Amino acid sequence: MLERGKRKIRAGIVVSDKMDKTISVAIESYHKHPLYKKILKKIKKLKADDPGSECKVGDIVKIVETRPLSKTKRWRVLEVVKKAPKI
C-alpha cells in the first residue's frame, strides 16, 4: 500500500483574517549569513484554510501542509495555540 509522506507542521502568528474561511499566517525564521555572520530574519506569509473562521489577528496557530485548496492555499489550521488578548 502506498504511504503518504509526513506532512510539515509550522507555527506562526495570524496577520490577516479578512478573507472568508482563510487566514494569512506569518512565520519567522532566522539564519546566519555564511560570509558576514550576520543573523537575518526572514518572514514568510502563508495562506491557510480556517473553515470555522475561529482565528483572529494576533492568534498563535499551528498549520499543517495539505493538498492544494486554491491557487495560493496549501495549508490548514491544525490548532490555535494561544488566543490574542482582547483590547
PDB file of N, CA and C in Angstrom:
ATOM      1  N   MET A   1       0.836  -1.175   0.000  1.00  0.00           N
ATOM      2  CA  MET A   1       0.000   0.000   0.000  1.00  0.00           C
ATOM      3  C   MET A   1       0.884   1.242   0.000  1.00  0.00           C
ATOM      4  N   LEU A   2       0.484   2.252  -0.735  1.00  0.00           N
ATOM      5  CA  LEU A   2       1.260   3.477  -0.860  1.00  0.00           C
ATOM      6  C   LEU A   2       1.063   4.349   0.374  1.00  0.00           C
ATOM      7  N   GLU A   3       2.178   4.721   1.022  1.00  0.00           N
ATOM      8  CA  GLU A   3       2.079   5.562   2.216  1.00  0.00           C
ATOM      9  C   GLU A   3       2.289   7.016   1.851  1.00  0.00           C
ATOM     10  N   ARG A   4       1.617   7.867   2.584  1.00  0.00           N
ATOM     11  CA  ARG A   4       1.739   9.297   2.384  1.00  0.00           C
ATOM     12  C   ARG A   4       2.936   9.798   3.181  1.00  0.00           C
ATOM     13  N   GLY A   5       3.663  10.765   2.647  1.00  0.00           N
ATOM     14  CA  GLY A   5       4.802  11.336   3.350  1.00  0.00           C
ATOM     15  C   GLY A   5       4.369  12.129   4.569  1.00  0.00           C
ATOM     16  N   LYS A   6       5.302  12.356   5.460  1.00  0.00           N
ATOM     17  CA  LYS A   6       4.993  13.118   6.666  1.00  0.00           C
ATOM     18  C   LYS A   6       4.726  14.572   6.295  1.00  0.00           C
ATOM     19  N   ARG A   7       3.638  15.106   6.788  1.00  0.00           N
ATOM     20  CA  ARG A   7       3.259  16.474   6.457  1.00  0.00           C
ATOM     21  C   ARG A   7       3.989  17.469   7.347  1.00  0.00           C
ATOM     22  N   LYS A   8       4.341  18.602   6.774  1.00  0.00           N
ATOM     23  CA  LYS A   8       5.045  19.640   7.523  1.00  0.00           C
ATOM     24  C   LYS A   8       4.077  20.369   8.438  1.00  0.00           C
ATOM     25  N   ILE A   9       4.550  20.723   9.627  1.00  0.00           N
ATOM     26  CA  ILE A   9       3.761  21.497  10.585  1.00  0.00           C
ATOM     27  C   ILE A   9       4.556  22.744  10.919  1.00  0.00           C
ATOM     28  N   ARG A  10       3.905  23.893  10.856  1.00  0.00           N
ATOM     29  CA  ARG A  10       4.552  25.166  11.156  1.00  0.00           C
ATOM     30  C   ARG A  10       3.708  25.925  12.171  1.00  0.00           C
ATOM     31  N   ALA A  11       4.352  26.807  12.929  1.00  0.00           N
ATOM     32  CA  ALA A  11       3.647  27.674  13.874  1.00  0.00           C
ATOM     33  C   ALA A  11       3.907  29.115  13.473  1.00  0.00           C
ATOM     34  N   GLY A  12       2.890  29.951  13.612  1.00  0.00           N
ATOM     35  CA  GLY A  12       3.044  31.349  13.241  1.00  0.00           C
ATOM     36  C   GLY A  12       1.946  32.206  13.833  1.00  0.00           C
ATOM     37  N   ILE A  13       2.001  33.489  13.510  1.00  0.00           N
ATOM     38  CA  ILE A  13       1.051  34.468  14.026  1.00  0.00           C
ATOM     39  C   ILE A  13       0.101  34.865  12.901  1.00  0.00           C
ATOM     40  N   VAL A  14      -1.190  34.928  13.216  1.00  0.00           N
ATOM     41  CA  VAL A  14      -2.192  35.342  12.234  1.00  0.00           C
ATOM     42  C   VAL A  14      -2.045  36.848  12.010  1.00  0.00           C
ATOM     43  N   VAL A  15      -1.831  37.244  10.746  1.00  0.00           N
ATOM     44  CA  VAL A  15      -1.674  38.666  10.432  1.00  0.00           C
ATOM     45  C   VAL A  15      -2.873  39.231   9.677  1.00  0.00           C
ATOM     46  N   SER A  16      -3.732  38.356   9.140  1.00  0.00           N
ATOM     47  CA  SER A  16      -4.928  38.825   8.448  1.00  0.00           C
ATOM     48  C   SER A  16      -6.013  37.755   8.519  1.00  0.00           C
ATOM     49  N   ASP A  17      -7.248  38.205   8.791  1.00  0.00           N
ATOM     50  CA  ASP A  17      -8.389  37.283   8.785  1.00  0.00           C
ATOM     51  C   ASP A  17      -9.557  37.880   7.999  1.00  0.00           C
ATOM     52  N   LYS A  18      -9.253  38.752   7.052  1.00  0.00           N
ATOM     53  CA  LYS A  18     -10.293  39.462   6.311  1.00  0.00           C
ATOM     54  C   LYS A  18     -10.936  38.626   5.212  1.00  0.00           C
ATOM     55  N   MET A  19     -10.300  37.519   4.836  1.00  0.00           N
ATOM     56  CA  MET A  19     -10.851  36.661   3.786  1.00  0.00           C
ATOM     57  C   MET A  19     -11.842  35.667   4.392  1.00  0.00           C
ATOM     58  N   ASP A  20     -12.737  35.171   3.564  1.00  0.00           N
ATOM     59  CA  ASP A  20     -13.732  34.213   4.024  1.00  0.00           C
ATOM     60  C   ASP A  20     -13.091  32.831   4.157  1.00  0.00           C
ATOM     61  N   LYS A  21     -13.082  32.274   5.361  1.00  0.00           N
ATOM     62  CA  LYS A  21     -12.549  30.937   5.666  1.00  0.00           C
ATOM     63  C   LYS A  21     -11.060  30.793   5.348  1.00  0.00           C
ATOM     64  N   THR A  22     -10.340  31.900   5.311  1.00  0.00           N
ATOM     65  CA  THR A  22      -8.910  31.881   5.024  1.00  0.00           C
ATOM     66  C   THR A  22      -8.209  32.878   5.929  1.00  0.00           C
ATOM     67  N   ILE A  23      -7.027  32.491   6.414  1.00  0.00           N
ATOM     68  CA  ILE A  23      -6.207  33.410   7.199  1.00  0.00           C
ATOM     69  C   ILE A  23      -4.826  33.496   6.565  1.00  0.00           C
ATOM     70  N   SER A  24      -4.129  34.566   6.893  1.00  0.00           N
ATOM     71  CA  SER A  24      -2.750  34.733   6.459  1.00  0.00           C
ATOM     72  C   SER A  24      -1.877  34.607   7.703  1.00  0.00           C
ATOM     73  N   VAL A  25      -0.877  33.714   7.648  1.00  0.00           N
ATOM     74  CA  VAL A  25      -0.033  33.414   8.804  1.00  0.00           C
ATOM     75  C   VAL A  25       1.403  33.817   8.495  1.00  0.00           C
ATOM     76  N   ALA A  26       2.017  34.591   9.398  1.00  0.00           N
ATOM     77  CA  ALA A  26       3.420  34.991   9.248  1.00  0.00           C
ATOM     78  C   ALA A  26       4.287  34.029  10.047  1.00  0.00           C
ATOM     79  N   ILE A  27       5.303  33.471   9.375  1.00  0.00           N
ATOM     80  CA  ILE A  27       6.217  32.530  10.012  1.00  0.00           C
ATOM     81  C   ILE A  27       7.616  33.128   9.959  1.00  0.00           C
ATOM     82  N   GLU A  28       8.231  33.322  11.131  1.00  0.00           N
ATOM     83  CA  GLU A  28       9.567  33.904  11.214  1.00  0.00           C
ATOM     84  C   GLU A  28      10.616  32.806  11.261  1.00  0.00           C
ATOM     85  N   SER A  29      11.714  33.032  10.558  1.00  0.00           N
ATOM     86  CA  SER A  29      12.853  32.128  10.659  1.00  0.00           C
ATOM     87  C   SER A  29      14.122  32.974  10.641  1.00  0.00           C
ATOM     88  N   TYR A  30      15.161  32.472  11.286  1.00  0.00           N
ATOM     89  CA  TYR A  30      16.435  33.179  11.379  1.00  0.00           C
ATOM     90  C   TYR A  30      17.529  32.314  10.781  1.00  0.00           C
ATOM     91  N   HIS A  31      18.473  32.946  10.096  1.00  0.00           N
ATOM     92  CA  HIS A  31      19.643  32.224   9.627  1.00  0.00           C
ATOM     93  C   HIS A  31      20.839  33.173   9.597  1.00  0.00           C
ATOM     94  N   LYS A  32      22.009  32.599   9.651  1.00  0.00           N
ATOM     95  CA  LYS A  32      23.240  33.378   9.677  1.00  0.00           C
ATOM     96  C   LYS A  32      23.826  33.447   8.270  1.00  0.00           C
ATOM     97  N   HIS A  33      24.243  34.645   7.871  1.00  0.00           N
ATOM     98  CA  HIS A  33      24.878  34.828   6.569  1.00  0.00           C
ATOM     99  C   HIS A  33      26.211  34.085   6.575  1.00  0.00           C
ATOM    100  N   PRO A  34      26.484  33.277   5.534  1.00  0.00           N
ATOM    101  CA  PRO A  34      27.687  32.436   5.570  1.00  0.00           C
ATOM    102  C   PRO A  34      29.001  33.214   5.596  1.00  0.00           C
ATOM    103  N   LEU A  35      29.067  34.373   4.961  1.00  0.00           N
ATOM    104  CA  LEU A  35      30.312  35.130   4.916  1.00  0.00           C
ATOM    105  C   LEU A  35      30.402  36.169   6.027  1.00  0.00           C
ATOM    106  N   TYR A  36      29.329  36.950   6.217  1.00  0.00           N
ATOM    107  CA  TYR A  36      29.382  38.077   7.146  1.00  0.00           C
ATOM    108  C   TYR A  36      28.889  37.743   8.546  1.00  0.00           C
ATOM    109  N   LYS A  37      28.340  36.568   8.741  1.00  0.00           N
ATOM    110  CA  LYS A  37      27.906  36.060  10.050  1.00  0.00           C
ATOM    111  C   LYS A  37      26.792  36.887  10.698  1.00  0.00           C
ATOM    112  N   LYS A  38      26.134  37.722   9.924  1.00  0.00           N
ATOM    113  CA  LYS A  38      25.030  38.500  10.472  1.00  0.00           C
ATOM    114  C   LYS A  38      23.783  37.622  10.533  1.00  0.00           C
ATOM    115  N   ILE A  39      23.025  37.742  11.617  1.00  0.00           N
ATOM    116  CA  ILE A  39      21.781  36.992  11.773  1.00  0.00           C
ATOM    117  C   ILE A  39      20.683  37.731  11.006  1.00  0.00           C
ATOM    118  N   LEU A  40      20.046  37.039  10.094  1.00  0.00           N
ATOM    119  CA  LEU A  40      18.996  37.625   9.274  1.00  0.00           C
ATOM    120  C   LEU A  40      17.656  36.999   9.622  1.00  0.00           C
ATOM    121  N   LYS A  41      16.625  37.834   9.648  1.00  0.00           N
ATOM    122  CA  LYS A  41      15.275  37.349   9.928  1.00  0.00           C
ATOM    123  C   LYS A  41      14.491  37.320   8.624  1.00  0.00           C
ATOM    124  N   LYS A  42      13.840  36.186   8.362  1.00  0.00           N
ATOM    125  CA  LYS A  42      13.016  36.052   7.173  1.00  0.00           C
ATOM    126  C   LYS A  42      11.588  35.782   7.616  1.00  0.00           C
ATOM    127  N   ILE A  43      10.641  36.495   7.022  1.00  0.00           N
ATOM    128  CA  ILE A  43       9.230  36.307   7.349  1.00  0.00           C
ATOM    129  C   ILE A  43       8.515  35.801   6.103  1.00  0.00           C
ATOM    130  N   LYS A  44       7.874  34.629   6.233  1.00  0.00           N
ATOM    131  CA  LYS A  44       7.059  34.069   5.154  1.00  0.00           C
ATOM    132  C   LYS A  44       5.601  34.263   5.524  1.00  0.00           C
ATOM    133  N   LYS A  45       4.785  34.680   4.568  1.00  0.00           N
ATOM    134  CA  LYS A  45       3.351  34.786   4.805  1.00  0.00           C
ATOM    135  C   LYS A  45       2.655  33.712   3.983  1.00  0.00           C
ATOM    136  N   LEU A  46       1.974  32.811   4.670  1.00  0.00           N
ATOM    137  CA  LEU A  46       1.283  31.700   4.024  1.00  0.00           C
ATOM    138  C   LEU A  46      -0.215  31.834   4.234  1.00  0.00           C
ATOM    139  N   LYS A  47      -0.984  31.413   3.244  1.00  0.00           N
ATOM    140  CA  LYS A  47      -2.437  31.377   3.378  1.00  0.00           C
ATOM    141  C   LYS A  47      -2.830  30.009   3.922  1.00  0.00           C
ATOM    142  N   ALA A  48      -3.757  29.996   4.879  1.00  0.00           N
ATOM    143  CA  ALA A  48      -4.197  28.740   5.486  1.00  0.00           C
ATOM    144  C   ALA A  48      -5.718  28.692   5.536  1.00  0.00           C
ATOM    145  N   ASP A  49      -6.264  27.495   5.400  1.00  0.00           N
ATOM    146  CA  ASP A  49      -7.707  27.274   5.447  1.00  0.00           C
ATOM    147  C   ASP A  49      -8.178  27.271   6.893  1.00  0.00           C
ATOM    148  N   ASP A  50      -9.191  28.082   7.178  1.00  0.00           N
ATOM    149  CA  ASP A  50      -9.785  28.181   8.514  1.00  0.00           C
ATOM    150  C   ASP A  50     -11.296  28.000   8.354  1.00  0.00           C
ATOM    151  N   PRO A  51     -11.762  26.737   8.260  1.00  0.00           N
ATOM    152  CA  PRO A  51     -13.172  26.505   7.922  1.00  0.00           C
ATOM    153  C   PRO A  51     -14.167  27.071   8.924  1.00  0.00           C
ATOM    154  N   GLY A  52     -13.815  27.126  10.192  1.00  0.00           N
ATOM    155  CA  GLY A  52     -14.740  27.645  11.191  1.00  0.00           C
ATOM    156  C   GLY A  52     -14.616  29.135  11.420  1.00  0.00           C
ATOM    157  N   SER A  53     -13.673  29.790  10.758  1.00  0.00           N
ATOM    158  CA  SER A  53     -13.375  31.217  10.936  1.00  0.00           C
ATOM    159  C   SER A  53     -13.189  31.554  12.413  1.00  0.00           C
ATOM    160  N   GLU A  54     -12.438  30.707  13.132  1.00  0.00           N
ATOM    161  CA  GLU A  54     -12.245  30.898  14.567  1.00  0.00           C
ATOM    162  C   GLU A  54     -10.989  31.691  14.906  1.00  0.00           C
ATOM    163  N   CYS A  55     -10.070  31.843  13.963  1.00  0.00           N
ATOM    164  CA  CYS A  55      -8.812  32.545  14.221  1.00  0.00           C
ATOM    165  C   CYS A  55      -8.981  34.041  14.008  1.00  0.00           C
ATOM    166  N   LYS A  56      -8.350  34.822  14.871  1.00  0.00           N
ATOM    167  CA  LYS A  56      -8.364  36.278  14.783  1.00  0.00           C
ATOM    168  C   LYS A  56      -6.933  36.783  14.677  1.00  0.00           C
ATOM    169  N   VAL A  57      -6.768  38.039  14.285  1.00  0.00           N
ATOM    170  CA  VAL A  57      -5.440  38.640  14.146  1.00  0.00           C
ATOM    171  C   VAL A  57      -4.734  38.626  15.495  1.00  0.00           C
ATOM    172  N   GLY A  58      -3.485  38.164  15.507  1.00  0.00           N
ATOM    173  CA  GLY A  58      -2.690  38.104  16.729  1.00  0.00           C
ATOM    174  C   GLY A  58      -2.648  36.731  17.367  1.00  0.00           C
ATOM    175  N   ASP A  59      -3.524  35.815  16.954  1.00  0.00           N
ATOM    176  CA  ASP A  59      -3.508  34.450  17.492  1.00  0.00           C
ATOM    177  C   ASP A  59      -2.245  33.722  17.036  1.00  0.00           C
ATOM    178  N   ILE A  60      -1.734  32.842  17.883  1.00  0.00           N
ATOM    179  CA  ILE A  60      -0.639  31.959  17.501  1.00  0.00           C
ATOM    180  C   ILE A  60      -1.268  30.624  17.132  1.00  0.00           C
ATOM    181  N   VAL A  61      -0.995  30.156  15.903  1.00  0.00           N
ATOM    182  CA  VAL A  61      -1.633  28.944  15.397  1.00  0.00           C
ATOM    183  C   VAL A  61      -0.598  27.965  14.869  1.00  0.00           C
ATOM    184  N   LYS A  62      -0.992  26.682  14.828  1.00  0.00           N
ATOM    185  CA  LYS A  62      -0.210  25.653  14.153  1.00  0.00           C
ATOM    186  C   LYS A  62      -0.940  25.327  12.867  1.00  0.00           C
ATOM    187  N   ILE A  63      -0.180  25.261  11.755  1.00  0.00           N
ATOM    188  CA  ILE A  63      -0.771  24.917  10.472  1.00  0.00           C
ATOM    189  C   ILE A  63      -0.074  23.681   9.918  1.00  0.00           C
ATOM    190  N   VAL A  64      -0.810  22.900   9.145  1.00  0.00           N
ATOM    191  CA  VAL A  64      -0.286  21.650   8.593  1.00  0.00           C
ATOM    192  C   VAL A  64      -0.444  21.680   7.074  1.00  0.00           C
ATOM    193  N   GLU A  65       0.530  21.100   6.392  1.00  0.00           N
ATOM    194  CA  GLU A  65       0.524  21.040   4.934  1.00  0.00           C
ATOM    195  C   GLU A  65      -0.629  20.156   4.454  1.00  0.00           C
ATOM    196  N   THR A  66      -1.235  20.527   3.332  1.00  0.00           N
ATOM    197  CA  THR A  66      -2.346  19.762   2.785  1.00  0.00           C
ATOM    198  C   THR A  66      -2.326  19.859   1.257  1.00  0.00           C
ATOM    199  N   ARG A  67      -3.277  19.224   0.619  1.00  0.00           N
ATOM    200  CA  ARG A  67      -3.369  19.305  -0.841  1.00  0.00           C
ATOM    201  C   ARG A  67      -3.722  20.746  -1.236  1.00  0.00           C
ATOM    202  N   PRO A  68      -3.463  21.140  -2.478  1.00  0.00           N
ATOM    203  CA  PRO A  68      -3.825  22.497  -2.899  1.00  0.00           C
ATOM    204  C   PRO A  68      -5.335  22.716  -2.806  1.00  0.00           C
ATOM    205  N   LEU A  69      -5.726  23.733  -2.052  1.00  0.00           N
ATOM    206  CA  LEU A  69      -7.140  24.049  -1.880  1.00  0.00           C
ATOM    207  C   LEU A  69      -7.570  25.175  -2.815  1.00  0.00           C
ATOM    208  N   SER A  70      -6.628  26.013  -3.230  1.00  0.00           N
ATOM    209  CA  SER A  70      -6.881  27.077  -4.199  1.00  0.00           C
ATOM    210  C   SER A  70      -5.544  27.451  -4.826  1.00  0.00           C
ATOM    211  N   LYS A  71      -5.506  28.574  -5.521  1.00  0.00           N
ATOM    212  CA  LYS A  71      -4.278  28.982  -6.206  1.00  0.00           C
ATOM    213  C   LYS A  71      -3.119  29.177  -5.231  1.00  0.00           C
ATOM    214  N   THR A  72      -3.383  29.760  -4.067  1.00  0.00           N
ATOM    215  CA  THR A  72      -2.301  30.060  -3.116  1.00  0.00           C
ATOM    216  C   THR A  72      -2.428  29.337  -1.779  1.00  0.00           C
ATOM    217  N   LYS A  73      -3.505  28.605  -1.568  1.00  0.00           N
ATOM    218  CA  LYS A  73      -3.766  27.998  -0.255  1.00  0.00           C
ATOM    219  C   LYS A  73      -3.380  26.526  -0.243  1.00  0.00           C
ATOM    220  N   ARG A  74      -2.340  26.182   0.556  1.00  0.00           N
ATOM    221  CA  ARG A  74      -1.859  24.798   0.668  1.00  0.00           C
ATOM    222  C   ARG A  74      -1.684  24.372   2.119  1.00  0.00           C
ATOM    223  N   TRP A  75      -2.268  25.099   3.065  1.00  0.00           N
ATOM    224  CA  TRP A  75      -2.119  24.813   4.490  1.00  0.00           C
ATOM    225  C   TRP A  75      -3.485  24.843   5.155  1.00  0.00           C
ATOM    226  N   ARG A  76      -3.643  24.071   6.239  1.00  0.00           N
ATOM    227  CA  ARG A  76      -4.864  24.037   7.048  1.00  0.00           C
ATOM    228  C   ARG A  76      -4.507  24.379   8.481  1.00  0.00           C
ATOM    229  N   VAL A  77      -5.436  24.981   9.212  1.00  0.00           N
ATOM    230  CA  VAL A  77      -5.218  25.264  10.628  1.00  0.00           C
ATOM    231  C   VAL A  77      -5.357  23.961  11.397  1.00  0.00           C
ATOM    232  N   LEU A  78      -4.319  23.615  12.162  1.00  0.00           N
ATOM    233  CA  LEU A  78      -4.339  22.405  12.974  1.00  0.00           C
ATOM    234  C   LEU A  78      -4.924  22.717  14.345  1.00  0.00           C
ATOM    235  N   GLU A  79      -4.423  23.787  14.973  1.00  0.00           N
ATOM    236  CA  GLU A  79      -4.947  24.197  16.279  1.00  0.00           C
ATOM    237  C   GLU A  79      -4.559  25.636  16.564  1.00  0.00           C
ATOM    238  N   VAL A  80      -5.332  26.263  17.442  1.00  0.00           N
ATOM    239  CA  VAL A  80      -4.997  27.594  17.934  1.00  0.00           C
ATOM    240  C   VAL A  80      -4.230  27.388  19.230  1.00  0.00           C
ATOM    241  N   VAL A  81      -2.949  27.746  19.228  1.00  0.00           N
ATOM    242  CA  VAL A  81      -2.097  27.530  20.393  1.00  0.00           C
ATOM    243  C   VAL A  81      -2.408  28.553  21.477  1.00  0.00           C
ATOM    244  N   LYS A  82      -2.520  29.831  21.072  1.00  0.00           N
ATOM    245  CA  LYS A  82      -2.758  30.899  22.044  1.00  0.00           C
ATOM    246  C   LYS A  82      -3.613  31.975  21.393  1.00  0.00           C
ATOM    247  N   LYS A  83      -4.679  32.361  22.081  1.00  0.00           N
ATOM    248  CA  LYS A  83      -5.559  33.410  21.583  1.00  0.00           C
ATOM    249  C   LYS A  83      -4.929  34.775  21.836  1.00  0.00           C
ATOM    250  N   ALA A  84      -5.219  35.726  20.966  1.00  0.00           N
ATOM    251  CA  ALA A  84      -4.726  37.092  21.136  1.00  0.00           C
ATOM    252  C   ALA A  84      -5.497  37.762  22.270  1.00  0.00           C
ATOM    253  N   PRO A  85      -4.822  38.599  23.064  1.00  0.00           N
ATOM    254  CA  PRO A  85      -5.540  39.301  24.138  1.00  0.00           C
ATOM    255  C   PRO A  85      -6.530  40.301  23.553  1.00  0.00           C
ATOM    256  N   LYS A  86      -7.695  40.402  24.169  1.00  0.00           N
ATOM    257  CA  LYS A  86      -8.713  41.346  23.705  1.00  0.00           C
ATOM    258  C   LYS A  86      -8.376  42.736  24.218  1.00  0.00           C
ATOM    259  N   ILE A  87      -8.545  43.703  23.327  1.00  0.00           N
ATOM    260  CA  ILE A  87      -8.216  45.093  23.696  1.00  0.00           C
ATOM    261  C   ILE A  87      -9.484  45.853  23.984  1.00  0.00           C
TER     262      ILE A  87
END
